[in-house]
């Protein structure tokens, strides 16, 4: 069992999980040995696009394929919750939540 953590951009985390060129028996790779030439093409192309509309279309096509083929079945999700009080300042509000650096958080 593994948890695929995909970071904020698909190039960083999603691609490494599905690209056939990254099939390796180590953590944070394509450990399920999934291989689909169309997925490879979509991920490699999407990662080079600067136009967000075109990029989104490539990733949407990729998502359709992997949700149909289901090379990974997510059976658990680690919850990331942030609980705080009004006495705490500069609480992280990004997608990283409690995984964010806390070096700028302070008590009022």
PDB file of N, CA and C in Angstrom:
ATOM      1  N   UNK A   1       0.860  -1.171   0.000  1.00  0.00           N
ATOM      2  CA  UNK A   1       0.000   0.000   0.000  1.00  0.00           C
ATOM      3  C   UNK A   1       0.897   1.222   0.000  1.00  0.00           C
ATOM      4  N   UNK A   2       0.542   2.212  -0.780  1.00  0.00           N
ATOM      5  CA  UNK A   2       1.332   3.426  -0.928  1.00  0.00           C
ATOM      6  C   UNK A   2       0.369   4.595  -0.998  1.00  0.00           C
ATOM      7  N   UNK A   3       0.869   5.748  -0.710  1.00  0.00           N
ATOM      8  CA  UNK A   3       0.066   6.955  -0.890  1.00  0.00           C
ATOM      9  C   UNK A   3       0.721   7.793  -1.963  1.00  0.00           C
ATOM     10  N   UNK A   4      -0.013   8.099  -2.995  1.00  0.00           N
ATOM     11  CA  UNK A   4       0.506   8.939  -4.066  1.00  0.00           C
ATOM     12  C   UNK A   4       0.258  10.392  -3.692  1.00  0.00           C
ATOM     13  N   UNK A   5       1.328  11.092  -3.388  1.00  0.00           N
ATOM     14  CA  UNK A   5       1.211  12.509  -3.039  1.00  0.00           C
ATOM     15  C   UNK A   5       1.602  13.300  -4.269  1.00  0.00           C
ATOM     16  N   UNK A   6       0.703  14.137  -4.745  1.00  0.00           N
ATOM     17  CA  UNK A   6       0.877  14.705  -6.066  1.00  0.00           C
ATOM     18  C   UNK A   6       1.281  16.166  -6.135  1.00  0.00           C
ATOM     19  N   UNK A   7       1.562  16.779  -5.011  1.00  0.00           N
ATOM     20  CA  UNK A   7       2.033  18.156  -4.973  1.00  0.00           C
ATOM     21  C   UNK A   7       1.102  19.091  -5.740  1.00  0.00           C
ATOM     22  N   UNK A   8       1.570  20.276  -6.044  1.00  0.00           N
ATOM     23  CA  UNK A   8       0.708  21.311  -6.609  1.00  0.00           C
ATOM     24  C   UNK A   8       0.629  21.344  -8.120  1.00  0.00           C
ATOM     25  N   UNK A   9       1.496  20.643  -8.798  1.00  0.00           N
ATOM     26  CA  UNK A   9       1.493  20.619 -10.259  1.00  0.00           C
ATOM     27  C   UNK A   9       1.623  19.177 -10.714  1.00  0.00           C
ATOM     28  N   UNK A  10       0.842  18.772 -11.690  1.00  0.00           N
ATOM     29  CA  UNK A  10       0.893  17.378 -12.153  1.00  0.00           C
ATOM     30  C   UNK A  10       2.278  16.920 -12.617  1.00  0.00           C
ATOM     31  N   UNK A  11       3.100  17.831 -13.107  1.00  0.00           N
ATOM     32  CA  UNK A  11       4.440  17.446 -13.557  1.00  0.00           C
ATOM     33  C   UNK A  11       5.268  16.921 -12.389  1.00  0.00           C
ATOM     34  N   UNK A  12       5.027  17.449 -11.202  1.00  0.00           N
ATOM     35  CA  UNK A  12       5.829  17.077 -10.037  1.00  0.00           C
ATOM     36  C   UNK A  12       5.421  15.727  -9.470  1.00  0.00           C
ATOM     37  N   UNK A  13       4.139  15.475  -9.349  1.00  0.00           N
ATOM     38  CA  UNK A  13       3.729  14.262  -8.660  1.00  0.00           C
ATOM     39  C   UNK A  13       2.911  13.284  -9.468  1.00  0.00           C
ATOM     40  N   UNK A  14       2.007  13.775 -10.271  1.00  0.00           N
ATOM     41  CA  UNK A  14       1.118  12.879 -11.018  1.00  0.00           C
ATOM     42  C   UNK A  14       1.896  12.100 -12.071  1.00  0.00           C
ATOM     43  N   UNK A  15       2.699  12.792 -12.843  1.00  0.00           N
ATOM     44  CA  UNK A  15       3.426  12.147 -13.937  1.00  0.00           C
ATOM     45  C   UNK A  15       4.285  10.995 -13.442  1.00  0.00           C
ATOM     46  N   UNK A  16       4.993  11.201 -12.350  1.00  0.00           N
ATOM     47  CA  UNK A  16       5.895  10.147 -11.855  1.00  0.00           C
ATOM     48  C   UNK A  16       5.140   8.877 -11.471  1.00  0.00           C
ATOM     49  N   UNK A  17       3.864   9.013 -11.150  1.00  0.00           N
ATOM     50  CA  UNK A  17       3.062   7.877 -10.730  1.00  0.00           C
ATOM     51  C   UNK A  17       2.527   7.070 -11.913  1.00  0.00           C
ATOM     52  N   UNK A  18       2.416   7.692 -13.082  1.00  0.00           N
ATOM     53  CA  UNK A  18       1.768   7.025 -14.217  1.00  0.00           C
ATOM     54  C   UNK A  18       2.658   6.823 -15.448  1.00  0.00           C
ATOM     55  N   UNK A  19       3.767   7.536 -15.564  1.00  0.00           N
ATOM     56  CA  UNK A  19       4.619   7.387 -16.750  1.00  0.00           C
ATOM     57  C   UNK A  19       5.270   6.008 -16.789  1.00  0.00           C
ATOM     58  N   UNK A  20       5.209   5.366 -17.940  1.00  0.00           N
ATOM     59  CA  UNK A  20       5.812   4.032 -18.070  1.00  0.00           C
ATOM     60  C   UNK A  20       7.335   4.097 -17.985  1.00  0.00           C
ATOM     61  N   UNK A  21       7.910   5.257 -18.253  1.00  0.00           N
ATOM     62  CA  UNK A  21       9.363   5.415 -18.138  1.00  0.00           C
ATOM     63  C   UNK A  21       9.810   5.474 -16.679  1.00  0.00           C
ATOM     64  N   UNK A  22       8.861   5.516 -15.768  1.00  0.00           N
ATOM     65  CA  UNK A  22       9.188   5.603 -14.343  1.00  0.00           C
ATOM     66  C   UNK A  22       8.735   4.354 -13.569  1.00  0.00           C
ATOM     67  N   UNK A  23       8.673   3.218 -14.267  1.00  0.00           N
ATOM     68  CA  UNK A  23       8.341   1.955 -13.599  1.00  0.00           C
ATOM     69  C   UNK A  23       9.592   1.479 -12.866  1.00  0.00           C
ATOM     70  N   UNK A  24       9.508   1.515 -11.531  1.00  0.00           N
ATOM     71  CA  UNK A  24      10.638   1.120 -10.687  1.00  0.00           C
ATOM     72  C   UNK A  24      10.077   0.521  -9.402  1.00  0.00           C
ATOM     73  N   UNK A  25      10.831  -0.355  -8.766  1.00  0.00           N
ATOM     74  CA  UNK A  25      10.351  -0.968  -7.520  1.00  0.00           C
ATOM     75  C   UNK A  25      10.724  -0.153  -6.279  1.00  0.00           C
ATOM     76  N   UNK A  26      10.572   1.161  -6.362  1.00  0.00           N
ATOM     77  CA  UNK A  26      10.856   2.028  -5.219  1.00  0.00           C
ATOM     78  C   UNK A  26       9.704   3.013  -5.029  1.00  0.00           C
ATOM     79  N   UNK A  27       9.613   3.566  -3.857  1.00  0.00           N
ATOM     80  CA  UNK A  27       8.524   4.460  -3.504  1.00  0.00           C
ATOM     81  C   UNK A  27       8.504   5.711  -4.394  1.00  0.00           C
ATOM     82  N   UNK A  28       7.328   6.255  -4.621  1.00  0.00           N
ATOM     83  CA  UNK A  28       7.063   7.473  -5.387  1.00  0.00           C
ATOM     84  C   UNK A  28       7.462   7.348  -6.851  1.00  0.00           C
ATOM     85  N   UNK A  29       7.230   6.159  -7.382  1.00  0.00           N
ATOM     86  CA  UNK A  29       7.415   5.927  -8.809  1.00  0.00           C
ATOM     87  C   UNK A  29       6.162   5.221  -9.311  1.00  0.00           C
ATOM     88  N   UNK A  30       6.233   4.705 -10.503  1.00  0.00           N
ATOM     89  CA  UNK A  30       5.126   3.937 -11.072  1.00  0.00           C
ATOM     90  C   UNK A  30       5.256   2.495 -10.573  1.00  0.00           C
ATOM     91  N   UNK A  31       5.014   2.298  -9.282  1.00  0.00           N
ATOM     92  CA  UNK A  31       5.206   0.988  -8.667  1.00  0.00           C
ATOM     93  C   UNK A  31       4.167  -0.042  -9.109  1.00  0.00           C
ATOM     94  N   UNK A  32       3.072   0.406  -9.685  1.00  0.00           N
ATOM     95  CA  UNK A  32       2.048  -0.522 -10.156  1.00  0.00           C
ATOM     96  C   UNK A  32       2.352  -1.027 -11.571  1.00  0.00           C
ATOM     97  N   UNK A  33       3.454  -0.575 -12.166  1.00  0.00           N
ATOM     98  CA  UNK A  33       3.892  -0.986 -13.507  1.00  0.00           C
ATOM     99  C   UNK A  33       2.856  -0.674 -14.587  1.00  0.00           C
ATOM    100  N   UNK A  34       2.144   0.421 -14.403  1.00  0.00           N
ATOM    101  CA  UNK A  34       1.138   0.844 -15.378  1.00  0.00           C
ATOM    102  C   UNK A  34       1.830   1.347 -16.639  1.00  0.00           C
ATOM    103  N   UNK A  35       1.337   0.910 -17.784  1.00  0.00           N
ATOM    104  CA  UNK A  35       1.920   1.326 -19.053  1.00  0.00           C
ATOM    105  C   UNK A  35       0.822   1.577 -20.073  1.00  0.00           C
ATOM    106  N   UNK A  36       0.759   2.810 -20.541  1.00  0.00           N
ATOM    107  CA  UNK A  36      -0.194   3.180 -21.578  1.00  0.00           C
ATOM    108  C   UNK A  36       0.469   4.266 -22.426  1.00  0.00           C
ATOM    109  N   UNK A  37       0.800   3.976 -23.683  1.00  0.00           N
ATOM    110  CA  UNK A  37       1.479   4.951 -24.537  1.00  0.00           C
ATOM    111  C   UNK A  37       0.724   6.279 -24.676  1.00  0.00           C
ATOM    112  N   UNK A  38      -0.605   6.230 -24.699  1.00  0.00           N
ATOM    113  CA  UNK A  38      -1.395   7.463 -24.812  1.00  0.00           C
ATOM    114  C   UNK A  38      -1.236   8.319 -23.554  1.00  0.00           C
ATOM    115  N   UNK A  39      -1.227   7.680 -22.386  1.00  0.00           N
ATOM    116  CA  UNK A  39      -1.015   8.406 -21.125  1.00  0.00           C
ATOM    117  C   UNK A  39       0.374   9.029 -21.114  1.00  0.00           C
ATOM    118  N   UNK A  40       1.380   8.280 -21.547  1.00  0.00           N
ATOM    119  CA  UNK A  40       2.737   8.831 -21.633  1.00  0.00           C
ATOM    120  C   UNK A  40       2.763  10.064 -22.532  1.00  0.00           C
ATOM    121  N   UNK A  41       2.124   9.956 -23.677  1.00  0.00           N
ATOM    122  CA  UNK A  41       2.083  11.069 -24.634  1.00  0.00           C
ATOM    123  C   UNK A  41       1.383  12.294 -24.029  1.00  0.00           C
ATOM    124  N   UNK A  42       0.243  12.075 -23.403  1.00  0.00           N
ATOM    125  CA  UNK A  42      -0.514  13.189 -22.812  1.00  0.00           C
ATOM    126  C   UNK A  42       0.267  13.872 -21.693  1.00  0.00           C
ATOM    127  N   UNK A  43       0.850  13.078 -20.792  1.00  0.00           N
ATOM    128  CA  UNK A  43       1.593  13.660 -19.672  1.00  0.00           C
ATOM    129  C   UNK A  43       2.853  14.384 -20.141  1.00  0.00           C
ATOM    130  N   UNK A  44       3.583  13.779 -21.062  1.00  0.00           N
ATOM    131  CA  UNK A  44       4.802  14.430 -21.568  1.00  0.00           C
ATOM    132  C   UNK A  44       4.485  15.718 -22.309  1.00  0.00           C
ATOM    133  N   UNK A  45       3.419  15.727 -23.073  1.00  0.00           N
ATOM    134  CA  UNK A  45       3.034  16.928 -23.816  1.00  0.00           C
ATOM    135  C   UNK A  45       2.485  18.004 -22.884  1.00  0.00           C
ATOM    136  N   UNK A  46       1.616  17.625 -21.965  1.00  0.00           N
ATOM    137  CA  UNK A  46       0.996  18.595 -21.051  1.00  0.00           C
ATOM    138  C   UNK A  46       2.045  19.333 -20.235  1.00  0.00           C
ATOM    139  N   UNK A  47       3.080  18.636 -19.842  1.00  0.00           N
ATOM    140  CA  UNK A  47       4.131  19.247 -19.033  1.00  0.00           C
ATOM    141  C   UNK A  47       4.918  20.322 -19.739  1.00  0.00           C
ATOM    142  N   UNK A  48       4.824  20.377 -21.059  1.00  0.00           N
ATOM    143  CA  UNK A  48       5.567  21.390 -21.818  1.00  0.00           C
ATOM    144  C   UNK A  48       4.705  22.582 -22.225  1.00  0.00           C
ATOM    145  N   UNK A  49       3.403  22.472 -22.001  1.00  0.00           N
ATOM    146  CA  UNK A  49       2.485  23.528 -22.453  1.00  0.00           C
ATOM    147  C   UNK A  49       2.431  24.697 -21.475  1.00  0.00           C
ATOM    148  N   UNK A  50       2.397  25.900 -22.018  1.00  0.00           N
ATOM    149  CA  UNK A  50       2.266  27.100 -21.195  1.00  0.00           C
ATOM    150  C   UNK A  50       0.838  27.634 -21.196  1.00  0.00           C
ATOM    151  N   UNK A  51       0.078  27.310 -22.211  1.00  0.00           N
ATOM    152  CA  UNK A  51      -1.310  27.758 -22.304  1.00  0.00           C
ATOM    153  C   UNK A  51      -2.156  26.935 -21.337  1.00  0.00           C
ATOM    154  N   UNK A  52      -2.721  27.575 -20.287  1.00  0.00           N
ATOM    155  CA  UNK A  52      -3.463  26.813 -19.280  1.00  0.00           C
ATOM    156  C   UNK A  52      -4.699  26.094 -19.822  1.00  0.00           C
ATOM    157  N   UNK A  53      -5.331  26.629 -20.842  1.00  0.00           N
ATOM    158  CA  UNK A  53      -6.518  25.984 -21.413  1.00  0.00           C
ATOM    159  C   UNK A  53      -6.122  24.691 -22.131  1.00  0.00           C
ATOM    160  N   UNK A  54      -5.068  24.756 -22.935  1.00  0.00           N
ATOM    161  CA  UNK A  54      -4.588  23.562 -23.631  1.00  0.00           C
ATOM    162  C   UNK A  54      -4.068  22.528 -22.631  1.00  0.00           C
ATOM    163  N   UNK A  55      -3.323  23.015 -21.646  1.00  0.00           N
ATOM    164  CA  UNK A  55      -2.758  22.129 -20.627  1.00  0.00           C
ATOM    165  C   UNK A  55      -3.871  21.379 -19.887  1.00  0.00           C
ATOM    166  N   UNK A  56      -4.916  22.105 -19.532  1.00  0.00           N
ATOM    167  CA  UNK A  56      -6.056  21.499 -18.822  1.00  0.00           C
ATOM    168  C   UNK A  56      -6.714  20.418 -19.682  1.00  0.00           C
ATOM    169  N   UNK A  57      -6.811  20.659 -20.983  1.00  0.00           N
ATOM    170  CA  UNK A  57      -7.427  19.681 -21.882  1.00  0.00           C
ATOM    171  C   UNK A  57      -6.612  18.379 -21.920  1.00  0.00           C
ATOM    172  N   UNK A  58      -5.291  18.500 -21.939  1.00  0.00           N
ATOM    173  CA  UNK A  58      -4.443  17.310 -21.943  1.00  0.00           C
ATOM    174  C   UNK A  58      -4.617  16.522 -20.646  1.00  0.00           C
ATOM    175  N   UNK A  59      -4.632  17.240 -19.525  1.00  0.00           N
ATOM    176  CA  UNK A  59      -4.795  16.554 -18.243  1.00  0.00           C
ATOM    177  C   UNK A  59      -6.198  15.968 -18.092  1.00  0.00           C
ATOM    178  N   UNK A  60      -7.185  16.600 -18.662  1.00  0.00           N
ATOM    179  CA  UNK A  60      -8.546  16.051 -18.621  1.00  0.00           C
ATOM    180  C   UNK A  60      -8.598  14.733 -19.403  1.00  0.00           C
ATOM    181  N   UNK A  61      -7.943  14.696 -20.556  1.00  0.00           N
ATOM    182  CA  UNK A  61      -7.896  13.460 -21.352  1.00  0.00           C
ATOM    183  C   UNK A  61      -7.157  12.362 -20.587  1.00  0.00           C
ATOM    184  N   UNK A  62      -6.055  12.732 -19.951  1.00  0.00           N
ATOM    185  CA  UNK A  62      -5.299  11.790 -19.119  1.00  0.00           C
ATOM    186  C   UNK A  62      -6.187  11.246 -17.991  1.00  0.00           C
ATOM    187  N   UNK A  63      -6.894  12.135 -17.291  1.00  0.00           N
ATOM    188  CA  UNK A  63      -7.750  11.715 -16.183  1.00  0.00           C
ATOM    189  C   UNK A  63      -8.836  10.749 -16.638  1.00  0.00           C
ATOM    190  N   UNK A  64      -9.390  10.993 -17.803  1.00  0.00           N
ATOM    191  CA  UNK A  64     -10.433  10.113 -18.332  1.00  0.00           C
ATOM    192  C   UNK A  64      -9.889   8.695 -18.525  1.00  0.00           C
ATOM    193  N   UNK A  65      -8.697   8.605 -19.077  1.00  0.00           N
ATOM    194  CA  UNK A  65      -8.093   7.287 -19.322  1.00  0.00           C
ATOM    195  C   UNK A  65      -7.834   6.559 -18.002  1.00  0.00           C
ATOM    196  N   UNK A  66      -7.187   7.231 -17.049  1.00  0.00           N
ATOM    197  CA  UNK A  66      -6.824   6.512 -15.816  1.00  0.00           C
ATOM    198  C   UNK A  66      -8.027   6.243 -14.920  1.00  0.00           C
ATOM    199  N   UNK A  67      -9.088   7.020 -15.039  1.00  0.00           N
ATOM    200  CA  UNK A  67     -10.290   6.679 -14.272  1.00  0.00           C
ATOM    201  C   UNK A  67     -11.042   5.523 -14.929  1.00  0.00           C
ATOM    202  N   UNK A  68     -10.897   5.360 -16.233  1.00  0.00           N
ATOM    203  CA  UNK A  68     -11.493   4.206 -16.912  1.00  0.00           C
ATOM    204  C   UNK A  68     -10.677   2.931 -16.660  1.00  0.00           C
ATOM    205  N   UNK A  69      -9.363   3.043 -16.746  1.00  0.00           N
ATOM    206  CA  UNK A  69      -8.497   1.867 -16.606  1.00  0.00           C
ATOM    207  C   UNK A  69      -8.177   1.534 -15.147  1.00  0.00           C
ATOM    208  N   UNK A  70      -8.229   2.497 -14.281  1.00  0.00           N
ATOM    209  CA  UNK A  70      -8.012   2.365 -12.838  1.00  0.00           C
ATOM    210  C   UNK A  70      -6.743   1.583 -12.476  1.00  0.00           C
ATOM    211  N   UNK A  71      -5.566   2.116 -12.866  1.00  0.00           N
ATOM    212  CA  UNK A  71      -4.326   1.433 -12.499  1.00  0.00           C
ATOM    213  C   UNK A  71      -4.019   1.536 -11.000  1.00  0.00           C
ATOM    214  N   UNK A  72      -4.634   2.484 -10.332  1.00  0.00           N
ATOM    215  CA  UNK A  72      -4.478   2.650  -8.885  1.00  0.00           C
ATOM    216  C   UNK A  72      -5.875   2.767  -8.292  1.00  0.00           C
ATOM    217  N   UNK A  73      -6.094   2.055  -7.209  1.00  0.00           N
ATOM    218  CA  UNK A  73      -7.366   2.148  -6.505  1.00  0.00           C
ATOM    219  C   UNK A  73      -7.082   2.733  -5.122  1.00  0.00           C
ATOM    220  N   UNK A  74      -7.511   3.968  -4.916  1.00  0.00           N
ATOM    221  CA  UNK A  74      -7.247   4.646  -3.655  1.00  0.00           C
ATOM    222  C   UNK A  74      -8.251   4.160  -2.615  1.00  0.00           C
ATOM    223  N   UNK A  75      -7.769   3.376  -1.655  1.00  0.00           N
ATOM    224  CA  UNK A  75      -8.654   2.811  -0.639  1.00  0.00           C
ATOM    225  C   UNK A  75      -8.571   3.565   0.686  1.00  0.00           C
ATOM    226  N   UNK A  76      -7.616   4.459   0.790  1.00  0.00           N
ATOM    227  CA  UNK A  76      -7.527   5.269   1.998  1.00  0.00           C
ATOM    228  C   UNK A  76      -7.050   6.671   1.648  1.00  0.00           C
ATOM    229  N   UNK A  77      -7.407   7.606   2.473  1.00  0.00           N
ATOM    230  CA  UNK A  77      -6.990   8.992   2.290  1.00  0.00           C
ATOM    231  C   UNK A  77      -6.521   9.508   3.638  1.00  0.00           C
ATOM    232  N   UNK A  78      -5.333  10.078   3.661  1.00  0.00           N
ATOM    233  CA  UNK A  78      -4.833  10.677   4.890  1.00  0.00           C
ATOM    234  C   UNK A  78      -5.421  12.080   4.989  1.00  0.00           C
ATOM    235  N   UNK A  79      -6.185  12.352   6.041  1.00  0.00           N
ATOM    236  CA  UNK A  79      -6.785  13.679   6.154  1.00  0.00           C
ATOM    237  C   UNK A  79      -5.761  14.726   6.594  1.00  0.00           C
ATOM    238  N   UNK A  80      -5.796  15.854   5.955  1.00  0.00           N
ATOM    239  CA  UNK A  80      -4.955  16.981   6.339  1.00  0.00           C
ATOM    240  C   UNK A  80      -5.877  18.085   6.817  1.00  0.00           C
ATOM    241  N   UNK A  81      -5.897  18.284   8.106  1.00  0.00           N
ATOM    242  CA  UNK A  81      -6.767  19.304   8.685  1.00  0.00           C
ATOM    243  C   UNK A  81      -5.915  20.347   9.397  1.00  0.00           C
ATOM    244  N   UNK A  82      -6.379  21.564   9.393  1.00  0.00           N
ATOM    245  CA  UNK A  82      -5.726  22.619  10.143  1.00  0.00           C
ATOM    246  C   UNK A  82      -6.715  23.151  11.160  1.00  0.00           C
ATOM    247  N   UNK A  83      -6.359  23.070  12.419  1.00  0.00           N
ATOM    248  CA  UNK A  83      -7.181  23.644  13.481  1.00  0.00           C
ATOM    249  C   UNK A  83      -6.356  24.735  14.143  1.00  0.00           C
ATOM    250  N   UNK A  84      -6.971  25.837  14.404  1.00  0.00           N
ATOM    251  CA  UNK A  84      -6.227  26.959  14.969  1.00  0.00           C
ATOM    252  C   UNK A  84      -7.152  27.807  15.830  1.00  0.00           C
ATOM    253  N   UNK A  85      -6.617  28.858  16.368  1.00  0.00           N
ATOM    254  CA  UNK A  85      -7.418  29.804  17.151  1.00  0.00           C
ATOM    255  C   UNK A  85      -7.082  31.215  16.686  1.00  0.00           C
ATOM    256  N   UNK A  86      -7.838  32.160  17.175  1.00  0.00           N
ATOM    257  CA  UNK A  86      -7.591  33.565  16.809  1.00  0.00           C
ATOM    258  C   UNK A  86      -6.281  34.075  17.371  1.00  0.00           C
ATOM    259  N   UNK A  87      -5.707  33.343  18.310  1.00  0.00           N
ATOM    260  CA  UNK A  87      -4.433  33.742  18.911  1.00  0.00           C
ATOM    261  C   UNK A  87      -3.241  33.411  18.010  1.00  0.00           C
ATOM    262  N   UNK A  88      -3.483  32.651  16.966  1.00  0.00           N
ATOM    263  CA  UNK A  88      -2.405  32.245  16.061  1.00  0.00           C
ATOM    264  C   UNK A  88      -2.471  33.094  14.798  1.00  0.00           C
ATOM    265  N   UNK A  89      -1.350  33.682  14.443  1.00  0.00           N
ATOM    266  CA  UNK A  89      -1.298  34.524  13.255  1.00  0.00           C
ATOM    267  C   UNK A  89      -0.570  33.854  12.108  1.00  0.00           C
ATOM    268  N   UNK A  90      -0.948  34.224  10.913  1.00  0.00           N
ATOM    269  CA  UNK A  90      -0.329  33.766   9.676  1.00  0.00           C
ATOM    270  C   UNK A  90      -0.398  32.240   9.506  1.00  0.00           C
ATOM    271  N   UNK A  91      -1.553  31.697   9.798  1.00  0.00           N
ATOM    272  CA  UNK A  91      -1.784  30.258   9.624  1.00  0.00           C
ATOM    273  C   UNK A  91      -1.776  29.950   8.125  1.00  0.00           C
ATOM    274  N   UNK A  92      -1.099  28.880   7.700  1.00  0.00           N
ATOM    275  CA  UNK A  92      -1.074  28.535   6.273  1.00  0.00           C
ATOM    276  C   UNK A  92      -2.486  28.310   5.726  1.00  0.00           C
ATOM    277  N   UNK A  93      -2.754  28.910   4.579  1.00  0.00           N
ATOM    278  CA  UNK A  93      -4.066  28.770   3.943  1.00  0.00           C
ATOM    279  C   UNK A  93      -3.954  28.219   2.526  1.00  0.00           C
ATOM    280  N   UNK A  94      -2.785  27.725   2.178  1.00  0.00           N
ATOM    281  CA  UNK A  94      -2.592  27.185   0.832  1.00  0.00           C
ATOM    282  C   UNK A  94      -3.037  25.724   0.781  1.00  0.00           C
ATOM    283  N   UNK A  95      -2.879  25.099  -0.364  1.00  0.00           N
ATOM    284  CA  UNK A  95      -3.241  23.693  -0.511  1.00  0.00           C
ATOM    285  C   UNK A  95      -2.389  22.786   0.361  1.00  0.00           C
ATOM    286  N   UNK A  96      -1.247  23.253   0.815  1.00  0.00           N
ATOM    287  CA  UNK A  96      -0.349  22.433   1.619  1.00  0.00           C
ATOM    288  C   UNK A  96      -0.811  22.328   3.066  1.00  0.00           C
ATOM    289  N   UNK A  97      -1.629  23.277   3.540  1.00  0.00           N
ATOM    290  CA  UNK A  97      -2.159  23.223   4.904  1.00  0.00           C
ATOM    291  C   UNK A  97      -1.094  22.947   5.931  1.00  0.00           C
ATOM    292  N   UNK A  98      -1.284  21.927   6.769  1.00  0.00           N
ATOM    293  CA  UNK A  98      -0.327  21.657   7.843  1.00  0.00           C
ATOM    294  C   UNK A  98       1.027  21.146   7.355  1.00  0.00           C
ATOM    295  N   UNK A  99       1.147  20.871   6.063  1.00  0.00           N
ATOM    296  CA  UNK A  99       2.445  20.475   5.517  1.00  0.00           C
ATOM    297  C   UNK A  99       3.281  21.687   5.129  1.00  0.00           C
ATOM    298  N   UNK A 100       2.713  22.878   5.242  1.00  0.00           N
ATOM    299  CA  UNK A 100       3.430  24.103   4.913  1.00  0.00           C
ATOM    300  C   UNK A 100       4.505  24.387   5.952  1.00  0.00           C
ATOM    301  N   UNK A 101       5.534  25.131   5.552  1.00  0.00           N
ATOM    302  CA  UNK A 101       6.495  25.578   6.565  1.00  0.00           C
ATOM    303  C   UNK A 101       5.761  26.459   7.579  1.00  0.00           C
ATOM    304  N   UNK A 102       6.092  26.304   8.823  1.00  0.00           N
ATOM    305  CA  UNK A 102       5.431  27.068   9.882  1.00  0.00           C
ATOM    306  C   UNK A 102       6.341  28.156  10.440  1.00  0.00           C
ATOM    307  N   UNK A 103       7.390  28.505   9.698  1.00  0.00           N
ATOM    308  CA  UNK A 103       8.362  29.473  10.189  1.00  0.00           C
ATOM    309  C   UNK A 103       7.815  30.899  10.303  1.00  0.00           C
ATOM    310  N   UNK A 104       6.699  31.182   9.661  1.00  0.00           N
ATOM    311  CA  UNK A 104       6.121  32.531   9.749  1.00  0.00           C
ATOM    312  C   UNK A 104       4.830  32.564  10.565  1.00  0.00           C
ATOM    313  N   UNK A 105       4.505  31.465  11.205  1.00  0.00           N
ATOM    314  CA  UNK A 105       3.332  31.402  12.086  1.00  0.00           C
ATOM    315  C   UNK A 105       3.751  31.945  13.449  1.00  0.00           C
ATOM    316  N   UNK A 106       2.855  32.686  14.085  1.00  0.00           N
ATOM    317  CA  UNK A 106       3.209  33.294  15.378  1.00  0.00           C
ATOM    318  C   UNK A 106       1.988  33.353  16.290  1.00  0.00           C
ATOM    319  N   UNK A 107       2.246  33.514  17.583  1.00  0.00           N
ATOM    320  CA  UNK A 107       1.181  33.719  18.558  1.00  0.00           C
ATOM    321  C   UNK A 107       1.007  35.207  18.749  1.00  0.00           C
ATOM    322  N   UNK A 108      -0.249  35.638  18.804  1.00  0.00           N
ATOM    323  CA  UNK A 108      -0.543  37.066  18.984  1.00  0.00           C
ATOM    324  C   UNK A 108      -0.406  37.456  20.435  1.00  0.00           C
TER     325      UNK A 108
END
